Amino acid sequence: MEYQIGDIVRTKKQHPCGSKLWEITRVGVDFKLKCQGCEHVIMLPRQKALKMITKKIEKTEQNDKKWHKI
């Protein structure tokens, strides 16, 4: 599975704050993840990050409303 910056992922084990959701902020040889519970940032080697991620959470797309003057 391909991961991109901004994706929200669920991990096998939870962070000490209780959250299992992380936002990917860097993709490459290393992954940089930001906890969605306490905003703690960690960097992991790619292989370790891929092992700990269980699934990618679908984002809810919001419709951008453009306001026009009448």
N, C-alpha and C. Protein backbone atom coordinates (compact mmCIF):
# COMPACT_ATOMS: atom_id res chain seq x y z
N MET A 1 0.85 -1.18 0.00
CA MET A 1 0.00 0.00 0.00
C MET A 1 0.89 1.24 0.00
N GLU A 2 0.49 2.24 -0.75
CA GLU A 2 1.26 3.48 -0.81
C GLU A 2 0.72 4.48 0.20
N TYR A 3 1.62 5.16 0.85
CA TYR A 3 1.26 6.18 1.83
C TYR A 3 1.77 7.53 1.35
N GLN A 4 0.98 8.56 1.63
CA GLN A 4 1.35 9.92 1.25
C GLN A 4 1.29 10.82 2.46
N ILE A 5 1.95 11.96 2.35
CA ILE A 5 1.93 12.94 3.43
C ILE A 5 0.49 13.38 3.66
N GLY A 6 0.09 13.42 4.92
CA GLY A 6 -1.27 13.83 5.27
C GLY A 6 -2.22 12.67 5.52
N ASP A 7 -1.81 11.44 5.17
CA ASP A 7 -2.66 10.27 5.41
C ASP A 7 -2.76 10.00 6.92
N ILE A 8 -3.91 9.54 7.36
CA ILE A 8 -4.12 9.14 8.74
C ILE A 8 -4.11 7.61 8.77
N VAL A 9 -3.28 7.04 9.66
CA VAL A 9 -3.15 5.59 9.75
C VAL A 9 -3.42 5.11 11.18
N ARG A 10 -3.83 3.84 11.29
CA ARG A 10 -4.05 3.20 12.59
C ARG A 10 -2.89 2.23 12.83
N THR A 11 -2.41 2.17 14.08
CA THR A 11 -1.30 1.28 14.42
C THR A 11 -1.76 0.12 15.29
N LYS A 12 -0.93 -0.93 15.37
CA LYS A 12 -1.25 -2.10 16.17
C LYS A 12 -1.34 -1.75 17.65
N LYS A 13 -0.33 -1.05 18.14
CA LYS A 13 -0.29 -0.69 19.56
C LYS A 13 -0.65 0.79 19.71
N GLN A 14 -1.23 1.11 20.85
CA GLN A 14 -1.60 2.51 21.07
C GLN A 14 -0.46 3.28 21.71
N HIS A 15 -0.46 4.58 21.48
CA HIS A 15 0.50 5.49 22.09
C HIS A 15 0.14 5.62 23.57
N PRO A 16 1.07 5.97 24.45
CA PRO A 16 0.74 6.12 25.88
C PRO A 16 -0.42 7.08 26.16
N CYS A 17 -0.69 8.01 25.25
CA CYS A 17 -1.82 8.93 25.45
C CYS A 17 -3.16 8.24 25.18
N GLY A 18 -3.14 7.04 24.57
CA GLY A 18 -4.35 6.28 24.32
C GLY A 18 -4.80 6.26 22.87
N SER A 19 -4.17 7.05 22.01
CA SER A 19 -4.58 7.14 20.61
C SER A 19 -3.84 6.10 19.77
N LYS A 20 -4.54 5.55 18.77
CA LYS A 20 -3.93 4.64 17.80
C LYS A 20 -3.83 5.30 16.43
N LEU A 21 -4.27 6.55 16.31
CA LEU A 21 -4.27 7.24 15.03
C LEU A 21 -3.07 8.17 14.91
N TRP A 22 -2.44 8.12 13.75
CA TRP A 22 -1.25 8.92 13.47
C TRP A 22 -1.39 9.57 12.10
N GLU A 23 -0.83 10.76 11.95
CA GLU A 23 -0.78 11.45 10.65
C GLU A 23 0.63 11.31 10.11
N ILE A 24 0.75 10.95 8.85
CA ILE A 24 2.06 10.83 8.22
C ILE A 24 2.51 12.22 7.77
N THR A 25 3.68 12.65 8.25
CA THR A 25 4.18 13.97 7.88
C THR A 25 5.45 13.89 7.03
N ARG A 26 6.03 12.68 6.89
CA ARG A 26 7.18 12.49 6.01
C ARG A 26 7.19 11.05 5.52
N VAL A 27 7.47 10.87 4.23
CA VAL A 27 7.56 9.54 3.63
C VAL A 27 8.87 9.46 2.87
N GLY A 28 9.56 8.36 3.04
CA GLY A 28 10.83 8.15 2.35
C GLY A 28 11.50 6.95 2.96
N VAL A 29 12.80 7.03 3.18
CA VAL A 29 13.52 5.97 3.87
C VAL A 29 13.02 5.88 5.30
N ASP A 30 12.68 7.03 5.88
CA ASP A 30 12.09 7.10 7.21
C ASP A 30 10.66 7.62 7.10
N PHE A 31 9.83 7.23 8.05
CA PHE A 31 8.47 7.77 8.16
C PHE A 31 8.45 8.68 9.37
N LYS A 32 7.82 9.84 9.25
CA LYS A 32 7.63 10.74 10.38
C LYS A 32 6.13 10.75 10.66
N LEU A 33 5.77 10.40 11.89
CA LEU A 33 4.37 10.28 12.27
C LEU A 33 4.05 11.23 13.41
N LYS A 34 2.85 11.83 13.35
CA LYS A 34 2.39 12.72 14.42
C LYS A 34 1.14 12.13 15.04
N CYS A 35 1.19 11.93 16.37
CA CYS A 35 0.07 11.35 17.09
C CYS A 35 -1.13 12.29 17.02
N GLN A 36 -2.31 11.74 16.77
CA GLN A 36 -3.51 12.55 16.68
C GLN A 36 -4.10 12.86 18.05
N GLY A 37 -3.61 12.17 19.09
CA GLY A 37 -4.10 12.42 20.44
C GLY A 37 -3.36 13.56 21.12
N CYS A 38 -2.02 13.47 21.14
CA CYS A 38 -1.22 14.45 21.88
C CYS A 38 -0.26 15.24 21.00
N GLU A 39 -0.24 14.96 19.70
CA GLU A 39 0.61 15.62 18.71
C GLU A 39 2.11 15.38 18.90
N HIS A 40 2.45 14.27 19.57
CA HIS A 40 3.86 13.87 19.71
C HIS A 40 4.35 13.40 18.35
N VAL A 41 5.59 13.73 17.98
CA VAL A 41 6.14 13.37 16.67
C VAL A 41 7.24 12.33 16.85
N ILE A 42 7.19 11.27 16.02
CA ILE A 42 8.23 10.25 16.03
C ILE A 42 8.73 10.00 14.62
N MET A 43 9.97 9.53 14.49
CA MET A 43 10.52 9.11 13.21
C MET A 43 10.93 7.65 13.32
N LEU A 44 10.53 6.87 12.34
CA LEU A 44 10.82 5.43 12.32
C LEU A 44 11.40 5.04 10.97
N PRO A 45 12.26 4.02 10.96
CA PRO A 45 12.68 3.47 9.66
C PRO A 45 11.45 2.93 8.92
N ARG A 46 11.48 2.99 7.61
CA ARG A 46 10.33 2.59 6.78
C ARG A 46 9.83 1.19 7.12
N GLN A 47 10.72 0.21 7.23
CA GLN A 47 10.32 -1.17 7.50
C GLN A 47 9.56 -1.29 8.82
N LYS A 48 10.04 -0.63 9.86
CA LYS A 48 9.38 -0.69 11.17
C LYS A 48 8.01 -0.02 11.11
N ALA A 49 7.92 1.11 10.42
CA ALA A 49 6.65 1.82 10.29
C ALA A 49 5.63 0.98 9.54
N LEU A 50 6.05 0.32 8.46
CA LEU A 50 5.13 -0.50 7.68
C LEU A 50 4.62 -1.70 8.49
N LYS A 51 5.45 -2.23 9.39
CA LYS A 51 5.02 -3.34 10.24
C LYS A 51 4.00 -2.89 11.28
N MET A 52 4.15 -1.67 11.81
CA MET A 52 3.26 -1.24 12.89
C MET A 52 1.93 -0.67 12.39
N ILE A 53 1.85 -0.29 11.11
CA ILE A 53 0.61 0.26 10.56
C ILE A 53 -0.33 -0.87 10.18
N THR A 54 -1.58 -0.81 10.67
CA THR A 54 -2.55 -1.85 10.33
C THR A 54 -3.46 -1.44 9.19
N LYS A 55 -3.88 -0.17 9.16
CA LYS A 55 -4.72 0.26 8.04
C LYS A 55 -4.70 1.77 7.88
N LYS A 56 -5.09 2.17 6.69
CA LYS A 56 -5.17 3.59 6.35
C LYS A 56 -6.63 4.02 6.55
N ILE A 57 -6.83 5.11 7.27
CA ILE A 57 -8.17 5.61 7.55
C ILE A 57 -8.61 6.51 6.40
N GLU A 58 -9.82 6.28 5.91
CA GLU A 58 -10.35 7.11 4.82
C GLU A 58 -10.66 8.51 5.34
N LYS A 59 -10.25 9.48 4.57
CA LYS A 59 -10.52 10.87 4.94
C LYS A 59 -11.93 11.23 4.50
N THR A 60 -12.61 12.03 5.29
CA THR A 60 -13.92 12.52 4.88
C THR A 60 -13.67 13.79 4.08
N GLU A 61 -14.08 13.74 2.85
CA GLU A 61 -13.85 14.90 1.98
C GLU A 61 -14.91 15.95 2.24
N GLN A 62 -14.44 17.16 2.47
CA GLN A 62 -15.36 18.26 2.70
C GLN A 62 -15.48 19.06 1.40
N ASN A 63 -16.70 19.42 1.08
CA ASN A 63 -16.91 20.22 -0.12
C ASN A 63 -16.50 21.65 0.17
N ASP A 64 -15.59 22.15 -0.64
CA ASP A 64 -15.17 23.54 -0.47
C ASP A 64 -16.27 24.44 -1.03
N LYS A 65 -16.83 25.25 -0.19
CA LYS A 65 -17.89 26.16 -0.63
C LYS A 65 -17.28 27.50 -0.97
N LYS A 66 -17.60 27.96 -2.13
CA LYS A 66 -17.11 29.27 -2.56
C LYS A 66 -18.25 30.26 -2.41
N TRP A 67 -17.97 31.31 -1.72
CA TRP A 67 -18.99 32.32 -1.49
C TRP A 67 -18.89 33.39 -2.58
N HIS A 68 -20.03 33.69 -3.17
CA HIS A 68 -20.07 34.69 -4.23
C HIS A 68 -20.92 35.86 -3.78
N LYS A 69 -20.49 37.03 -4.18
CA LYS A 69 -21.29 38.23 -3.88
C LYS A 69 -22.47 38.27 -4.83
N ILE A 70 -23.62 38.62 -4.30
CA ILE A 70 -24.83 38.69 -5.14
C ILE A 70 -25.10 40.13 -5.50
